[in-house]
Amino acid sequence: MVGADHSPNSENGNVDTSLQYANLTENQLIEAILNEHKPSRNPFVRGVWITIGSIGVLFAVIGIFVPGWPTTSWLVLSAYCYARSSQKMFKWLLTNKLFGAGLLEYYRTGRSLPFHSKVVIGGIICIASLGSIYIITKAGDPGFGQAFIAIVAIIGIWWVGWKVPTTA
């Protein structure tokens, strides 16, 4: 990888991406990110990833206009999906005049999110989970579905809140 520091700098032995990407030019950074991800070979799976990624881009556009609605978080989701579906769409997202700078900053800072984005993501997880629990309860589930949703929600909030690095 271009300009990569191959010494283990994190607790799991992986290269610290903030050091790995820190001194790269924008073009080198884009190429390094693209080389890191390979799309699925299954056309159906690629279609699912493209659909989810496109919804994420739509939500990111909403975030430009609605205060408090995260933009970078939706772009990260879209980048993840496009990286698994289409190098062309992933590169478009990374080089997009509207979104590219924010997404490249996400990669350059070691894949971290601002605190306010984490709060909004946690809120969305809570609202979606509570809505799902309500619907499943109305459908007559004896409690297993609700417990599963609650456990997954707690894990999701924990992951975003404590495992994803926070930027200032």
Protein backbone atom coordinates (compact mmCIF):
# COMPACT_ATOMS: atom_id res chain seq x y z
CA MET A 1 0.00 0.00 0.00
CA VAL A 2 1.25 3.48 -0.84
CA GLY A 3 2.94 5.18 2.09
CA ALA A 4 1.78 2.61 4.60
CA ASP A 5 3.49 2.30 7.95
CA HIS A 6 3.70 -1.46 8.42
CA SER A 7 4.42 -1.43 12.15
CA PRO A 8 1.59 -2.58 14.40
CA ASN A 9 0.18 0.48 16.10
CA SER A 10 -3.13 -0.73 17.44
CA GLU A 11 -4.15 -3.20 20.06
CA ASN A 12 -5.13 -5.89 17.54
CA GLY A 13 -1.92 -5.66 15.51
CA ASN A 14 -3.39 -3.84 12.53
CA VAL A 15 -1.78 -0.78 11.03
CA ASP A 16 -3.13 2.46 12.56
CA THR A 17 -5.02 4.01 9.64
CA SER A 18 -4.57 7.57 10.87
CA LEU A 19 -0.79 7.08 10.55
CA GLN A 20 -1.16 5.06 7.38
CA TYR A 21 -3.08 7.79 5.55
CA ALA A 22 -1.70 10.90 7.27
CA ASN A 23 0.92 11.97 4.72
CA LEU A 24 -0.74 10.83 1.49
CA THR A 25 -1.88 13.21 -1.21
CA GLU A 26 -5.59 13.12 -2.05
CA ASN A 27 -5.03 10.94 -5.12
CA GLN A 28 -2.76 8.55 -3.20
CA LEU A 29 -5.35 8.37 -0.41
CA ILE A 30 -8.14 7.56 -2.86
CA GLU A 31 -6.06 4.83 -4.54
CA ALA A 32 -5.06 3.36 -1.15
CA ILE A 33 -8.70 3.24 -0.03
CA LEU A 34 -9.85 1.69 -3.31
CA ASN A 35 -7.11 -0.97 -3.13
CA GLU A 36 -8.23 -1.88 0.38
CA HIS A 37 -11.73 -2.94 -0.75
CA LYS A 38 -12.83 -5.48 -3.32
CA PRO A 39 -16.46 -5.82 -4.52
CA SER A 40 -18.48 -9.01 -4.17
CA ARG A 41 -18.57 -11.37 -7.14
CA ASN A 42 -22.26 -12.14 -6.63
CA PRO A 43 -24.44 -9.81 -8.76
CA PHE A 44 -27.43 -10.07 -6.40
CA VAL A 45 -25.31 -9.16 -3.39
CA ARG A 46 -23.79 -6.25 -5.33
CA GLY A 47 -27.31 -5.03 -6.13
CA VAL A 48 -28.31 -5.14 -2.46
CA TRP A 49 -25.15 -3.22 -1.47
CA ILE A 50 -25.76 -0.62 -4.20
CA THR A 51 -29.36 -0.13 -3.04
CA ILE A 52 -28.41 0.33 0.61
CA GLY A 53 -25.49 2.59 -0.36
CA SER A 54 -27.74 4.75 -2.51
CA ILE A 55 -30.23 5.14 0.34
CA GLY A 56 -27.29 6.22 2.51
CA VAL A 57 -26.31 8.86 -0.07
CA LEU A 58 -29.91 10.12 -0.11
CA PHE A 59 -29.87 10.40 3.70
CA ALA A 60 -26.50 12.18 3.54
CA VAL A 61 -28.04 14.76 1.18
CA ILE A 62 -30.82 15.27 3.72
CA GLY A 63 -28.11 15.82 6.33
CA ILE A 64 -26.77 18.77 4.36
CA PHE A 65 -30.05 20.62 4.80
CA VAL A 66 -31.39 19.35 8.14
CA PRO A 67 -29.46 20.54 11.21
CA GLY A 68 -28.53 17.69 13.54
CA TRP A 69 -29.01 15.02 10.88
CA PRO A 70 -25.63 13.34 10.31
CA THR A 71 -24.03 13.52 6.90
CA THR A 72 -20.68 11.77 7.37
CA SER A 73 -22.26 8.79 9.12
CA TRP A 74 -24.53 8.09 6.15
CA LEU A 75 -21.59 8.56 3.80
CA VAL A 76 -19.60 6.00 5.78
CA LEU A 77 -22.47 3.54 5.36
CA SER A 78 -22.63 4.34 1.64
CA ALA A 79 -18.86 3.97 1.26
CA TYR A 80 -19.01 0.60 3.00
CA CYS A 81 -21.79 -0.57 0.69
CA TYR A 82 -20.24 0.80 -2.49
CA ALA A 83 -16.86 -0.72 -1.56
CA ARG A 84 -18.58 -4.12 -1.55
CA SER A 85 -20.52 -3.54 -4.75
CA SER A 86 -18.76 -1.27 -7.25
CA GLN A 87 -15.29 0.27 -7.41
CA LYS A 88 -16.71 2.85 -9.84
CA MET A 89 -19.43 4.01 -7.41
CA PHE A 90 -17.01 3.90 -4.48
CA LYS A 91 -14.54 6.09 -6.37
CA TRP A 92 -17.39 8.45 -7.36
CA LEU A 93 -18.31 8.82 -3.70
CA LEU A 94 -14.70 9.44 -2.64
CA THR A 95 -14.13 12.04 -5.37
CA ASN A 96 -17.56 13.68 -5.24
CA LYS A 97 -17.32 17.47 -4.84
CA LEU A 98 -20.17 17.50 -2.33
CA PHE A 99 -19.17 14.53 -0.17
CA GLY A 100 -15.61 13.53 -1.04
CA ALA A 101 -13.79 15.83 1.37
CA GLY A 102 -15.78 14.70 4.40
CA LEU A 103 -15.42 11.05 3.53
CA LEU A 104 -11.69 11.34 2.88
CA GLU A 105 -11.31 13.13 6.22
CA TYR A 106 -13.07 10.18 7.86
CA TYR A 107 -10.45 7.81 6.41
CA ARG A 108 -7.55 10.20 7.07
CA THR A 109 -8.49 10.57 10.78
CA GLY A 110 -8.45 6.85 11.39
CA ARG A 111 -12.08 6.07 10.64
CA SER A 112 -13.57 8.12 13.43
CA LEU A 113 -16.89 9.93 13.84
CA PRO A 114 -17.75 13.22 15.52
CA PHE A 115 -19.47 12.91 18.90
CA HIS A 116 -22.71 14.52 17.68
CA SER A 117 -22.95 11.93 14.89
CA LYS A 118 -22.57 9.15 17.42
CA VAL A 119 -25.39 10.62 19.49
CA VAL A 120 -27.69 10.83 16.45
CA ILE A 121 -26.78 7.29 15.36
CA GLY A 122 -27.53 6.03 18.88
CA GLY A 123 -30.87 7.85 18.79
CA ILE A 124 -31.76 6.34 15.42
CA ILE A 125 -30.88 2.87 16.71
CA CYS A 126 -33.09 3.44 19.77
CA ILE A 127 -36.07 4.76 17.77
CA ALA A 128 -35.85 2.00 15.15
CA SER A 129 -35.49 -0.66 17.83
CA LEU A 130 -38.39 0.64 19.92
CA GLY A 131 -40.56 0.81 16.81
CA SER A 132 -39.64 -2.75 15.89
CA ILE A 133 -40.29 -3.99 19.42
CA TYR A 134 -43.71 -2.29 19.38
CA ILE A 135 -44.65 -3.87 16.03
CA ILE A 136 -43.48 -7.32 17.09
CA THR A 137 -45.35 -7.03 20.39
CA LYS A 138 -48.56 -6.07 18.54
CA ALA A 139 -48.03 -9.07 16.25
CA GLY A 140 -48.15 -11.36 19.29
CA ASP A 141 -44.52 -12.34 19.80
CA PRO A 142 -44.10 -13.86 23.29
CA GLY A 143 -40.90 -11.88 23.96
CA PHE A 144 -38.10 -13.60 22.12
CA GLY A 145 -38.13 -11.16 19.20
CA GLN A 146 -38.23 -8.15 21.50
CA ALA A 147 -35.30 -9.48 23.54
CA PHE A 148 -33.30 -10.15 20.38
CA ILE A 149 -33.95 -6.63 19.05
CA ALA A 150 -33.02 -5.08 22.40
CA ILE A 151 -29.76 -7.06 22.58
CA VAL A 152 -28.80 -6.12 19.01
CA ALA A 153 -29.63 -2.46 19.73
CA ILE A 154 -27.49 -2.45 22.86
CA ILE A 155 -24.59 -4.02 20.96
CA GLY A 156 -25.00 -1.46 18.15
CA ILE A 157 -25.04 1.49 20.52
CA TRP A 158 -22.06 0.09 22.42
CA TRP A 159 -20.13 -0.44 19.17
CA VAL A 160 -20.76 3.06 17.82
CA GLY A 161 -20.29 4.71 21.20
CA TRP A 162 -17.18 2.96 22.45
CA LYS A 163 -15.50 1.02 19.65
CA VAL A 164 -15.60 3.65 16.87
CA PRO A 165 -13.05 6.40 17.58
CA THR A 166 -14.41 9.90 18.26
CA THR A 167 -13.13 13.05 16.57
CA ALA A 168 -13.19 16.42 18.24
